[in-house]
Amino acid sequence: MIKVLKLQKAVMAIVLGIIALIAYKVMDVKHLESSIYMLEFAGLLFVTGALLFLYPVFFAKKDKDGNVELDPEQQEEGTIE
């Protein structure tokens, strides 16, 4: 389902955000001045991931009854059950 909804990029952004947050914590323990940039990068990745999770909601296709179908492959084939 993740492949169909094209959420791999969102999941990867969240995972990279978690890794950047861990890197921030390590840098903060060592009292590095540049650790704040890693925290900003982690926040940017989290926001990007959240927006990418909303992508299927904004660009979902509607059928003739007005219902939203989040499985575009099934809708294109015309085999909606």
C-alpha atoms as a PDB file:
ATOM      1  CA  MET A   1       0.000   0.000   0.000  1.00  0.00           C
ATOM      2  CA  ILE A   2       2.868   2.380   0.709  1.00  0.00           C
ATOM      3  CA  LYS A   3       4.146   1.809  -2.824  1.00  0.00           C
ATOM      4  CA  VAL A   4       0.743   2.537  -4.356  1.00  0.00           C
ATOM      5  CA  LEU A   5       0.267   5.747  -2.385  1.00  0.00           C
ATOM      6  CA  LYS A   6       3.817   6.904  -3.156  1.00  0.00           C
ATOM      7  CA  LEU A   7       4.688   7.502   0.473  1.00  0.00           C
ATOM      8  CA  GLN A   8       8.221   6.111   0.329  1.00  0.00           C
ATOM      9  CA  LYS A   9       9.699   9.612   0.112  1.00  0.00           C
ATOM     10  CA  ALA A  10       7.709  10.723   3.142  1.00  0.00           C
ATOM     11  CA  VAL A  11       8.831   7.715   5.162  1.00  0.00           C
ATOM     12  CA  MET A  12      12.437   8.294   4.127  1.00  0.00           C
ATOM     13  CA  ALA A  13      12.214  11.977   5.114  1.00  0.00           C
ATOM     14  CA  ILE A  14      10.905  11.027   8.569  1.00  0.00           C
ATOM     15  CA  VAL A  15      13.625   8.381   9.009  1.00  0.00           C
ATOM     16  CA  LEU A  16      16.324  10.864   7.954  1.00  0.00           C
ATOM     17  CA  GLY A  17      14.808  13.383  10.368  1.00  0.00           C
ATOM     18  CA  ILE A  18      15.125  10.880  13.212  1.00  0.00           C
ATOM     19  CA  ILE A  19      18.746  10.187  12.244  1.00  0.00           C
ATOM     20  CA  ALA A  20      19.454  13.931  12.131  1.00  0.00           C
ATOM     21  CA  LEU A  21      17.831  14.334  15.551  1.00  0.00           C
ATOM     22  CA  ILE A  22      20.074  11.612  16.970  1.00  0.00           C
ATOM     23  CA  ALA A  23      23.079  13.346  15.404  1.00  0.00           C
ATOM     24  CA  TYR A  24      21.961  16.588  17.059  1.00  0.00           C
ATOM     25  CA  LYS A  25      21.792  14.900  20.452  1.00  0.00           C
ATOM     26  CA  VAL A  26      25.305  13.493  20.009  1.00  0.00           C
ATOM     27  CA  MET A  27      26.637  16.881  18.924  1.00  0.00           C
ATOM     28  CA  ASP A  28      24.841  18.632  21.789  1.00  0.00           C
ATOM     29  CA  VAL A  29      26.420  16.328  24.375  1.00  0.00           C
ATOM     30  CA  LYS A  30      29.831  17.333  23.017  1.00  0.00           C
ATOM     31  CA  HIS A  31      28.779  21.022  23.234  1.00  0.00           C
ATOM     32  CA  LEU A  32      29.396  21.798  19.569  1.00  0.00           C
ATOM     33  CA  GLU A  33      28.172  25.182  18.371  1.00  0.00           C
ATOM     34  CA  SER A  34      27.036  23.774  15.022  1.00  0.00           C
ATOM     35  CA  SER A  35      24.593  21.327  16.629  1.00  0.00           C
ATOM     36  CA  ILE A  36      21.758  23.844  16.183  1.00  0.00           C
ATOM     37  CA  TYR A  37      22.063  23.466  12.406  1.00  0.00           C
ATOM     38  CA  MET A  38      21.520  19.736  12.717  1.00  0.00           C
ATOM     39  CA  LEU A  39      18.399  20.402  14.788  1.00  0.00           C
ATOM     40  CA  GLU A  40      17.106  22.789  12.112  1.00  0.00           C
ATOM     41  CA  PHE A  41      17.804  20.197   9.421  1.00  0.00           C
ATOM     42  CA  ALA A  42      15.913  17.554  11.429  1.00  0.00           C
ATOM     43  CA  GLY A  43      12.937  19.912  11.761  1.00  0.00           C
ATOM     44  CA  LEU A  44      12.998  20.647   8.049  1.00  0.00           C
ATOM     45  CA  LEU A  45      12.973  16.912   7.285  1.00  0.00           C
ATOM     46  CA  PHE A  46      10.042  16.322   9.659  1.00  0.00           C
ATOM     47  CA  VAL A  47       8.002  19.122   8.069  1.00  0.00           C
ATOM     48  CA  THR A  48       8.843  17.864   4.574  1.00  0.00           C
ATOM     49  CA  GLY A  49       7.835  14.324   5.550  1.00  0.00           C
ATOM     50  CA  ALA A  50       4.545  15.558   6.976  1.00  0.00           C
ATOM     51  CA  LEU A  51       3.739  17.465   3.793  1.00  0.00           C
ATOM     52  CA  LEU A  52       4.607  14.457   1.670  1.00  0.00           C
ATOM     53  CA  PHE A  53       2.225  12.333   3.749  1.00  0.00           C
ATOM     54  CA  LEU A  54      -0.559  14.739   2.732  1.00  0.00           C
ATOM     55  CA  TYR A  55       0.223  14.365  -0.984  1.00  0.00           C
ATOM     56  CA  PRO A  56      -2.253  11.486  -1.606  1.00  0.00           C
ATOM     57  CA  VAL A  57      -5.009  13.376   0.182  1.00  0.00           C
ATOM     58  CA  PHE A  58      -4.609  16.484  -1.978  1.00  0.00           C
ATOM     59  CA  PHE A  59      -4.220  14.652  -5.291  1.00  0.00           C
ATOM     60  CA  ALA A  60      -6.575  11.696  -4.851  1.00  0.00           C
ATOM     61  CA  LYS A  61      -8.807  10.952  -7.830  1.00  0.00           C
ATOM     62  CA  LYS A  62     -12.561  11.145  -7.512  1.00  0.00           C
ATOM     63  CA  ASP A  63     -14.881   8.730  -9.251  1.00  0.00           C
ATOM     64  CA  LYS A  64     -18.156   9.717 -10.911  1.00  0.00           C
ATOM     65  CA  ASP A  65     -20.054   9.436  -7.597  1.00  0.00           C
ATOM     66  CA  GLY A  66     -17.677  11.899  -5.897  1.00  0.00           C
ATOM     67  CA  ASN A  67     -15.997   9.260  -3.751  1.00  0.00           C
ATOM     68  CA  VAL A  68     -12.233   9.412  -3.375  1.00  0.00           C
ATOM     69  CA  GLU A  69     -10.252   6.333  -4.390  1.00  0.00           C
ATOM     70  CA  LEU A  70      -6.715   6.254  -3.025  1.00  0.00           C
ATOM     71  CA  ASP A  71      -5.714   3.261  -5.159  1.00  0.00           C
ATOM     72  CA  PRO A  72      -5.089   4.861  -8.573  1.00  0.00           C
ATOM     73  CA  GLU A  73      -4.023   1.600 -10.245  1.00  0.00           C
ATOM     74  CA  GLN A  74      -7.343  -0.005  -9.410  1.00  0.00           C
ATOM     75  CA  GLN A  75      -9.294   3.055 -10.589  1.00  0.00           C
ATOM     76  CA  GLU A  76      -7.507   3.244 -13.927  1.00  0.00           C
ATOM     77  CA  GLU A  77      -8.329  -0.397 -14.632  1.00  0.00           C
ATOM     78  CA  GLY A  78     -11.981   0.249 -13.879  1.00  0.00           C
ATOM     79  CA  THR A  79     -12.276  -2.649 -11.424  1.00  0.00           C
ATOM     80  CA  ILE A  80     -13.462  -0.687  -8.420  1.00  0.00           C
ATOM     81  CA  GLU A  81     -15.377  -2.976  -6.120  1.00  0.00           C
END
